[in-house]
N, C-alpha and C. Protein backbone atom coordinates (compact mmCIF):
# COMPACT_ATOMS: atom_id res chain seq x y z
N MET A 1 0.99 -0.86 0.70
CA MET A 1 -0.26 -0.34 0.06
C MET A 1 1.37 1.52 -0.23
N PRO A 2 0.71 2.63 -0.95
CA PRO A 2 1.96 2.76 -1.20
C PRO A 2 1.36 3.94 0.12
N ILE A 3 2.52 5.06 0.28
CA ILE A 3 2.66 5.53 1.82
C ILE A 3 2.83 6.64 1.43
N LYS A 4 1.32 8.21 1.98
CA LYS A 4 0.47 8.95 2.06
C LYS A 4 1.16 9.83 2.88
N VAL A 5 1.19 11.98 2.38
CA VAL A 5 1.40 12.74 4.26
C VAL A 5 0.61 12.36 4.82
N GLY A 6 0.90 12.78 5.64
CA GLY A 6 0.02 12.13 6.96
C GLY A 6 0.29 10.78 7.47
N ASP A 7 0.79 9.46 7.11
CA ASP A 7 0.57 8.15 7.57
C ASP A 7 1.90 8.40 8.63
N LYS A 8 2.26 7.58 9.38
CA LYS A 8 2.48 7.23 10.68
C LYS A 8 4.58 5.71 9.15
N ALA A 9 5.74 7.38 8.96
CA ALA A 9 6.17 6.73 8.81
C ALA A 9 6.85 4.35 9.77
N PRO A 10 7.09 4.05 8.54
CA PRO A 10 7.36 2.99 8.64
C PRO A 10 8.28 2.83 9.51
N ASP A 11 9.31 2.27 10.74
CA ASP A 11 9.68 2.57 11.36
C ASP A 11 10.82 0.82 11.16
N PHE A 12 12.24 1.01 11.11
CA PHE A 12 13.40 0.50 10.66
C PHE A 12 14.37 0.64 11.19
N THR A 13 15.57 -0.22 10.25
CA THR A 13 16.25 -0.64 11.64
C THR A 13 17.86 -1.27 10.61
N LEU A 14 18.67 -0.09 10.35
CA LEU A 14 19.76 -0.49 9.09
C LEU A 14 20.81 -0.29 9.85
N PHE A 15 22.51 -1.03 8.80
CA PHE A 15 23.09 -1.40 8.90
C PHE A 15 24.03 0.48 9.15
N ASN A 16 24.50 1.19 9.65
CA ASN A 16 25.18 2.22 8.41
C ASN A 16 26.81 1.56 7.95
N GLN A 17 27.53 2.34 7.41
CA GLN A 17 28.44 2.15 6.86
C GLN A 17 29.53 1.96 7.91
N ASP A 18 29.25 1.88 8.71
CA ASP A 18 30.96 0.92 9.84
C ASP A 18 30.30 0.02 10.30
N GLY A 19 28.90 -0.77 10.00
CA GLY A 19 28.30 -1.36 10.84
C GLY A 19 27.37 -1.08 12.11
N GLU A 20 27.31 -0.61 12.20
CA GLU A 20 26.56 -0.03 13.28
C GLU A 20 25.22 0.83 12.87
N ALA A 21 24.04 -0.13 14.20
CA ALA A 21 22.57 -0.05 13.70
C ALA A 21 21.87 1.16 13.99
N VAL A 22 21.32 1.95 13.50
CA VAL A 22 20.38 2.85 12.82
C VAL A 22 19.28 3.06 13.20
N THR A 23 18.45 2.65 14.18
CA THR A 23 17.52 3.37 14.14
C THR A 23 15.95 4.69 13.97
N LEU A 24 15.56 4.36 12.47
CA LEU A 24 14.45 5.49 12.38
C LEU A 24 13.81 5.83 13.56
N SER A 25 13.25 5.64 14.28
CA SER A 25 12.70 5.45 15.39
C SER A 25 12.75 6.19 17.34
N SER A 26 14.56 6.40 16.56
CA SER A 26 15.33 6.06 18.20
C SER A 26 15.68 8.27 17.72
N PHE A 27 15.56 9.03 16.94
CA PHE A 27 15.66 10.21 16.17
C PHE A 27 14.35 10.70 16.54
N LYS A 28 12.82 10.32 17.83
CA LYS A 28 12.44 10.59 17.60
C LYS A 28 12.93 12.22 18.41
N GLY A 29 11.84 13.75 18.23
CA GLY A 29 12.71 14.93 18.56
C GLY A 29 12.66 15.66 17.77
N LYS A 30 13.47 14.89 16.66
CA LYS A 30 14.26 15.23 15.30
C LYS A 30 13.53 15.02 14.23
N ASN A 31 13.28 15.99 13.14
CA ASN A 31 12.61 15.37 11.56
C ASN A 31 13.72 15.18 10.91
N VAL A 32 13.44 14.00 9.71
CA VAL A 32 14.45 12.85 9.65
C VAL A 32 14.46 13.03 7.90
N VAL A 33 14.58 13.13 7.64
CA VAL A 33 14.80 13.03 6.00
C VAL A 33 15.56 11.77 5.45
N VAL A 34 14.27 10.47 5.00
CA VAL A 34 15.11 9.27 4.99
C VAL A 34 14.85 9.17 3.62
N LEU A 35 16.94 9.70 3.14
CA LEU A 35 16.96 10.18 1.30
C LEU A 35 17.70 8.21 0.68
N PHE A 36 16.20 8.18 -0.19
CA PHE A 36 16.53 6.63 -1.19
C PHE A 36 17.10 6.83 -2.35
N PHE A 37 18.54 6.03 -2.53
CA PHE A 37 19.26 6.41 -3.79
C PHE A 37 19.19 5.08 -4.42
N PRO A 38 19.72 4.81 -5.28
CA PRO A 38 20.13 3.22 -6.35
C PRO A 38 20.95 2.84 -5.64
N ALA A 39 22.08 3.21 -6.23
CA ALA A 39 23.35 2.46 -5.80
C ALA A 39 24.92 4.08 -5.99
N ALA A 40 25.86 2.91 -4.58
CA ALA A 40 26.75 3.63 -4.33
C ALA A 40 27.57 4.18 -5.62
N ASN A 41 27.66 4.99 -5.64
CA ASN A 41 28.76 5.61 -6.10
C ASN A 41 28.63 6.06 -8.40
N THR A 42 28.18 6.22 -8.50
CA THR A 42 26.64 6.24 -9.36
C THR A 42 27.21 8.01 -9.66
N GLY A 43 27.09 8.22 -11.05
CA GLY A 43 27.31 9.65 -10.91
C GLY A 43 25.71 10.95 -10.11
N ALA A 44 24.23 10.47 -10.54
CA ALA A 44 23.23 10.58 -10.07
C ALA A 44 23.15 11.42 -8.77
N CYS A 45 23.86 10.46 -8.25
CA CYS A 45 23.64 9.32 -6.63
C CYS A 45 24.98 10.02 -5.93
N THR A 46 25.72 10.44 -6.47
CA THR A 46 26.78 10.82 -5.81
C THR A 46 26.30 13.21 -5.73
N THR A 47 26.00 13.05 -6.77
CA THR A 47 25.84 14.40 -7.49
C THR A 47 24.25 14.49 -5.86
N GLU A 48 23.71 13.78 -5.81
CA GLU A 48 22.39 14.09 -4.98
C GLU A 48 23.08 13.92 -3.04
N MET A 49 24.03 12.85 -2.98
CA MET A 49 24.21 13.01 -1.78
C MET A 49 25.27 13.96 -1.07
N CYS A 50 26.03 14.24 -2.22
CA CYS A 50 27.46 16.02 -2.47
C CYS A 50 26.01 16.26 -1.78
N THR A 51 24.63 17.41 -2.62
CA THR A 51 24.03 18.67 -2.60
C THR A 51 23.71 18.21 -1.08
N PHE A 52 23.38 17.50 -0.76
CA PHE A 52 23.11 17.05 0.59
C PHE A 52 23.89 16.85 1.78
N ARG A 53 25.68 16.41 1.79
CA ARG A 53 26.23 16.75 2.61
C ARG A 53 26.42 18.01 2.48
N ASP A 54 26.57 19.25 1.28
CA ASP A 54 27.19 20.93 1.44
C ASP A 54 26.30 21.10 2.01
N GLU A 55 24.59 20.81 2.59
CA GLU A 55 24.18 21.86 2.73
C GLU A 55 23.14 21.09 3.94
N LEU A 56 24.05 20.19 4.82
CA LEU A 56 24.03 19.84 6.11
C LEU A 56 23.70 20.93 7.26
N LYS A 57 24.41 21.93 7.21
CA LYS A 57 23.98 23.08 8.11
C LYS A 57 22.74 23.98 8.07
N GLU A 58 22.04 24.19 6.59
CA GLU A 58 20.88 24.63 6.22
C GLU A 58 19.64 23.38 7.09
N TYR A 59 19.69 21.55 6.72
CA TYR A 59 19.07 20.80 7.94
C TYR A 59 19.06 21.02 9.22
N GLU A 60 20.38 21.10 9.81
CA GLU A 60 20.49 21.17 10.98
C GLU A 60 20.25 22.37 11.71
N ILE A 61 20.22 23.23 11.24
CA ILE A 61 18.79 24.56 12.21
C ILE A 61 17.02 24.32 11.43
N LEU A 62 16.96 23.42 10.89
CA LEU A 62 15.65 23.16 11.01
C LEU A 62 15.52 21.90 11.63
N ASN A 63 16.80 21.63 12.10
CA ASN A 63 16.09 20.43 13.47
C ASN A 63 15.79 18.52 13.18
N ALA A 64 17.09 18.03 11.71
CA ALA A 64 17.12 17.68 10.40
C ALA A 64 18.01 16.50 10.36
N GLN A 65 17.19 15.11 10.78
CA GLN A 65 18.91 14.63 10.96
C GLN A 65 18.73 13.69 9.25
N LEU A 66 19.74 13.90 8.61
CA LEU A 66 19.25 12.77 7.07
C LEU A 66 19.80 11.27 6.89
N LEU A 67 19.64 10.05 5.89
CA LEU A 67 19.36 8.92 6.40
C LEU A 67 19.27 8.37 4.71
N GLY A 68 20.84 8.83 4.41
CA GLY A 68 20.72 8.05 3.03
C GLY A 68 20.66 6.18 2.93
N ILE A 69 19.76 5.59 1.98
CA ILE A 69 19.59 4.28 2.28
C ILE A 69 19.54 3.54 1.09
N SER A 70 20.31 2.23 0.61
CA SER A 70 20.90 2.09 -0.66
C SER A 70 20.35 0.99 -0.38
N VAL A 71 20.51 -0.50 -1.80
CA VAL A 71 20.44 -1.54 -1.63
C VAL A 71 22.13 -1.77 -1.06
N ASP A 72 23.10 -1.31 -1.30
CA ASP A 72 24.44 -1.67 -1.28
C ASP A 72 24.65 -2.63 -0.33
N THR A 73 26.04 -2.92 0.20
CA THR A 73 26.84 -3.20 1.12
C THR A 73 26.77 -2.54 2.46
N HIS A 74 27.31 -2.66 3.83
CA HIS A 74 27.48 -1.73 4.55
C HIS A 74 28.73 -1.06 4.02
N PHE A 75 29.77 -2.55 3.39
CA PHE A 75 31.42 -1.83 2.87
C PHE A 75 31.60 -1.25 1.73
N ALA A 76 30.80 -0.87 0.86
CA ALA A 76 30.58 -0.65 -0.59
C ALA A 76 29.82 1.31 0.41
N LEU A 77 29.21 1.41 0.86
CA LEU A 77 28.63 2.47 1.72
C LEU A 77 29.70 3.03 1.96
N LYS A 78 31.02 2.55 3.16
CA LYS A 78 31.56 2.90 4.05
C LYS A 78 32.89 3.09 3.06
N MET A 79 32.98 2.92 1.51
CA MET A 79 33.90 3.09 0.56
C MET A 79 33.37 5.02 0.29
N PHE A 80 32.38 4.64 0.17
CA PHE A 80 31.29 5.79 -0.89
C PHE A 80 31.27 7.15 -0.09
N HIS A 81 31.53 6.12 2.02
CA HIS A 81 30.90 7.58 2.74
C HIS A 81 32.55 7.93 2.10
N GLU A 82 33.54 7.66 2.61
CA GLU A 82 34.36 8.36 2.52
C GLU A 82 35.57 8.88 1.50
N LYS A 83 34.92 8.42 0.60
CA LYS A 83 34.91 8.43 -1.53
C LYS A 83 35.19 10.20 -1.07
N ASN A 84 33.44 10.32 0.10
CA ASN A 84 32.60 11.69 -0.36
C ASN A 84 32.72 12.84 0.33
N SER A 85 33.13 12.04 2.24
CA SER A 85 33.42 12.62 3.48
C SER A 85 32.33 13.70 3.30
N TYR A 86 31.07 12.20 3.54
CA TYR A 86 29.46 12.84 4.14
C TYR A 86 29.39 12.58 5.33
N ASN A 87 28.40 13.64 5.53
CA ASN A 87 28.71 13.57 7.36
C ASN A 87 27.52 13.83 7.56
N PHE A 88 26.65 12.16 7.54
CA PHE A 88 25.97 11.78 7.77
C PHE A 88 25.37 10.50 7.56
N PRO A 89 24.67 9.33 8.45
CA PRO A 89 24.84 8.33 7.87
C PRO A 89 24.18 8.01 6.49
N LEU A 90 25.28 6.75 5.39
CA LEU A 90 24.56 5.14 4.50
C LEU A 90 23.60 4.55 5.34
N LEU A 91 23.40 4.15 4.94
CA LEU A 91 22.26 2.77 5.71
C LEU A 91 22.16 2.12 4.89
N SER A 92 22.36 0.59 5.09
CA SER A 92 22.35 -0.07 3.80
C SER A 92 21.20 -1.53 4.29
N ASP A 93 19.97 -0.81 3.01
CA ASP A 93 18.32 -2.24 3.73
C ASP A 93 19.73 -3.50 2.52
N PHE A 94 20.25 -4.38 2.31
CA PHE A 94 21.07 -5.13 1.84
C PHE A 94 19.43 -5.78 1.08
N ASN A 95 18.75 -6.09 2.83
CA ASN A 95 18.00 -7.79 2.52
C ASN A 95 16.29 -7.15 2.13
N LYS A 96 16.26 -5.63 1.85
CA LYS A 96 15.57 -5.58 0.66
C LYS A 96 14.32 -4.89 1.05
N LYS A 97 13.76 -5.56 2.58
CA LYS A 97 12.71 -5.68 3.32
C LYS A 97 12.51 -3.32 3.59
N VAL A 98 13.33 -2.33 3.79
CA VAL A 98 12.48 -1.04 3.84
C VAL A 98 12.32 -0.54 2.39
N ILE A 99 13.29 -0.33 1.40
CA ILE A 99 12.52 -0.29 0.15
C ILE A 99 11.16 -0.63 -0.25
N LYS A 100 11.11 -1.82 0.40
CA LYS A 100 9.24 -2.87 0.12
C LYS A 100 8.78 -2.16 1.19
N ASP A 101 9.02 -1.68 2.51
CA ASP A 101 7.94 -0.97 3.39
C ASP A 101 7.58 0.96 2.70
N TYR A 102 8.70 0.93 1.91
CA TYR A 102 8.47 2.53 1.73
C TYR A 102 7.98 2.21 -0.06
N ASP A 103 7.67 1.13 -0.65
CA ASP A 103 7.51 1.39 -1.73
C ASP A 103 8.13 1.80 -2.86
N VAL A 104 9.30 2.12 -2.98
CA VAL A 104 10.14 2.83 -4.02
C VAL A 104 10.80 1.17 -4.62
N VAL A 105 10.65 0.53 -4.15
CA VAL A 105 11.87 -1.10 -5.54
C VAL A 105 11.84 -0.17 -6.87
N LEU A 106 12.33 -0.25 -7.78
CA LEU A 106 13.51 0.13 -9.24
C LEU A 106 13.78 -1.38 -9.29
N ASP A 107 12.32 -2.04 -10.20
CA ASP A 107 12.69 -3.72 -10.98
C ASP A 107 14.29 -3.33 -11.39
N VAL A 108 14.18 -2.44 -12.42
CA VAL A 108 15.61 -2.08 -13.19
C VAL A 108 16.11 -0.83 -12.97
N PHE A 109 17.76 -1.38 -12.76
CA PHE A 109 18.36 0.45 -12.59
C PHE A 109 18.88 1.02 -13.94
N VAL A 110 18.89 0.45 -14.85
CA VAL A 110 19.16 0.63 -16.36
C VAL A 110 19.37 -0.32 -17.47
N PRO A 111 18.18 -1.02 -17.73
CA PRO A 111 18.09 -1.83 -18.58
C PRO A 111 18.37 -1.96 -19.47
N GLY A 112 18.80 -3.25 -19.35
CA GLY A 112 20.14 -3.57 -20.65
C GLY A 112 21.83 -2.44 -20.60
N LYS A 113 22.41 -2.16 -19.28
CA LYS A 113 23.06 -1.39 -19.58
C LYS A 113 23.63 -2.44 -17.59
N PHE A 114 23.30 -2.08 -16.45
CA PHE A 114 22.87 -2.35 -15.09
C PHE A 114 21.83 -2.84 -14.90
N ASP A 115 21.78 -4.51 -15.31
CA ASP A 115 20.31 -5.02 -14.82
C ASP A 115 20.05 -5.42 -13.83
N TYR A 116 20.75 -4.47 -12.64
CA TYR A 116 21.06 -3.89 -11.38
C TYR A 116 19.84 -4.63 -10.36
N PHE A 117 18.64 -5.68 -10.15
CA PHE A 117 17.36 -5.84 -10.14
C PHE A 117 17.43 -5.10 -8.69
N ASN A 118 15.87 -4.76 -8.72
CA ASN A 118 15.38 -4.71 -7.06
C ASN A 118 16.07 -3.40 -6.20
N THR A 119 16.41 -2.76 -6.83
CA THR A 119 17.29 -2.24 -5.34
C THR A 119 16.75 -0.36 -5.74
N ALA A 120 16.40 0.97 -4.76
CA ALA A 120 15.30 0.95 -5.22
C ALA A 120 14.83 2.56 -5.47
N LYS A 121 14.36 3.15 -5.72
CA LYS A 121 14.23 4.03 -6.69
C LYS A 121 14.18 5.15 -5.76
N ARG A 122 15.49 6.33 -6.29
CA ARG A 122 15.38 7.86 -5.86
C ARG A 122 14.30 8.51 -5.34
N ALA A 123 13.97 8.08 -4.27
CA ALA A 123 12.88 9.14 -3.68
C ALA A 123 13.44 9.47 -1.71
N VAL A 124 12.14 10.65 -1.90
CA VAL A 124 13.32 11.32 0.22
C VAL A 124 11.22 11.28 0.41
N PHE A 125 11.64 10.68 2.00
CA PHE A 125 10.61 10.35 2.45
C PHE A 125 10.77 11.99 3.78
N VAL A 126 10.32 13.14 3.76
CA VAL A 126 10.98 13.71 5.20
C VAL A 126 9.58 13.91 6.04
N VAL A 127 9.83 12.29 7.41
CA VAL A 127 8.91 12.04 9.01
C VAL A 127 9.50 13.92 10.13
N ASP A 128 8.52 13.82 10.92
CA ASP A 128 8.98 15.37 11.14
C ASP A 128 9.02 14.57 13.29
N THR A 129 8.44 15.94 13.62
CA THR A 129 9.29 14.74 15.17
C THR A 129 9.27 14.06 15.43
N ASN A 130 7.10 13.21 15.28
CA ASN A 130 6.47 12.57 15.80
C ASN A 130 6.48 11.30 15.15
N GLY A 131 7.78 11.40 13.33
CA GLY A 131 7.91 9.66 12.60
C GLY A 131 6.27 10.26 12.25
N VAL A 132 5.06 11.61 11.49
CA VAL A 132 4.36 11.93 10.61
C VAL A 132 6.11 11.53 9.08
N ILE A 133 4.55 10.75 8.79
CA ILE A 133 5.36 11.86 6.60
C ILE A 133 4.58 13.07 6.99
N LYS A 134 5.03 14.14 6.29
CA LYS A 134 4.71 15.63 5.75
C LYS A 134 5.02 15.25 4.84
N TYR A 135 6.40 15.37 3.73
CA TYR A 135 6.24 15.16 2.83
C TYR A 135 7.15 14.38 1.99
N PHE A 136 6.90 13.55 0.12
CA PHE A 136 7.88 12.26 0.01
C PHE A 136 7.92 12.71 -1.69
N GLU A 137 8.86 12.63 -2.05
CA GLU A 137 9.22 12.93 -3.20
C GLU A 137 9.63 11.08 -4.20
N ILE A 138 8.80 10.70 -5.03
CA ILE A 138 9.69 9.17 -5.86
C ILE A 138 10.11 9.62 -7.04
N LEU A 139 11.32 9.81 -7.28
CA LEU A 139 12.01 10.03 -9.33
C LEU A 139 10.93 9.35 -10.01
N ALA A 140 10.42 9.24 -10.92
CA ALA A 140 10.08 7.90 -12.16
C ALA A 140 11.35 7.88 -12.53
N ASN A 141 12.63 9.13 -12.99
CA ASN A 141 13.97 9.06 -13.26
C ASN A 141 14.97 9.09 -12.70
N VAL A 142 15.60 7.65 -12.50
CA VAL A 142 16.90 7.76 -11.59
C VAL A 142 18.03 8.70 -11.69
N GLY A 143 17.39 8.93 -13.13
CA GLY A 143 19.76 10.58 -13.34
C GLY A 143 18.97 11.62 -12.53
N GLY A 144 17.67 12.06 -11.79
CA GLY A 144 17.03 13.02 -11.91
C GLY A 144 17.40 13.34 -9.73
N GLN A 145 17.42 15.10 -10.05
CA GLN A 145 17.39 14.49 -7.98
C GLN A 145 16.14 15.65 -8.02
N PRO A 146 15.98 15.80 -6.07
CA PRO A 146 15.58 15.99 -5.92
C PRO A 146 14.85 17.51 -5.26
N ASP A 147 12.94 17.26 -4.52
CA ASP A 147 13.19 19.78 -5.02
C ASP A 147 14.15 19.69 -3.56
N PHE A 148 15.08 20.10 -4.04
CA PHE A 148 15.46 20.18 -2.60
C PHE A 148 15.19 21.79 -2.35
N GLU A 149 14.71 22.24 -2.26
CA GLU A 149 13.95 23.86 -1.48
C GLU A 149 12.28 22.86 -1.22
N ALA A 150 11.71 21.99 -2.14
CA ALA A 150 10.72 21.22 -0.81
C ALA A 150 11.31 20.67 -0.19
N ILE A 151 11.61 20.28 0.13
CA ILE A 151 12.27 19.22 1.79
C ILE A 151 12.41 20.66 2.43
N LYS A 152 12.58 21.79 1.65
CA LYS A 152 13.68 22.93 3.33
C LYS A 152 12.40 23.18 3.61
N LYS A 153 11.21 23.48 2.67
CA LYS A 153 10.01 24.11 3.02
C LYS A 153 9.11 23.74 4.17
N THR A 154 9.02 22.09 3.95
CA THR A 154 7.81 21.49 4.40
C THR A 154 8.93 21.07 5.68
N LEU A 155 10.57 21.51 6.42
CA LEU A 155 10.87 21.55 7.14
C LEU A 155 10.74 22.94 8.34
N ALA A 156 10.62 23.51 7.56
CA ALA A 156 10.82 25.44 7.43
C ALA A 156 9.37 25.31 8.83
């Protein structure tokens, strides 16, 4: 069933790039921006995550925690994290449960070129301090970028 604005965000516990468990509900009292991305070390994903990295101070002012999620292993995410000096956690949904819970499963990443099955669509969910979805955006094009200004406006 698709998620709607006003729904309680599905809780999850995933391992970050350092192999540490991170639980969404542990951020109660803080806004959380959940960033689903298809694959570490790809062009559009690097651009997106670097934009969030470079604008982190703005999100901190808005009482927001960023969490990046992909189906990559935490080992791949650690390399991606270190290579780009990300200042927020990247979480591994290697078992693909959370992408199903949020209804953001991408069947094939780039058909005929990268038959990378059942990865995450590029999507953003803004979860408020009480765990409720206040905004979401699921991009049809994996090469696109989310509406960064709409995310910040929702948080403001």
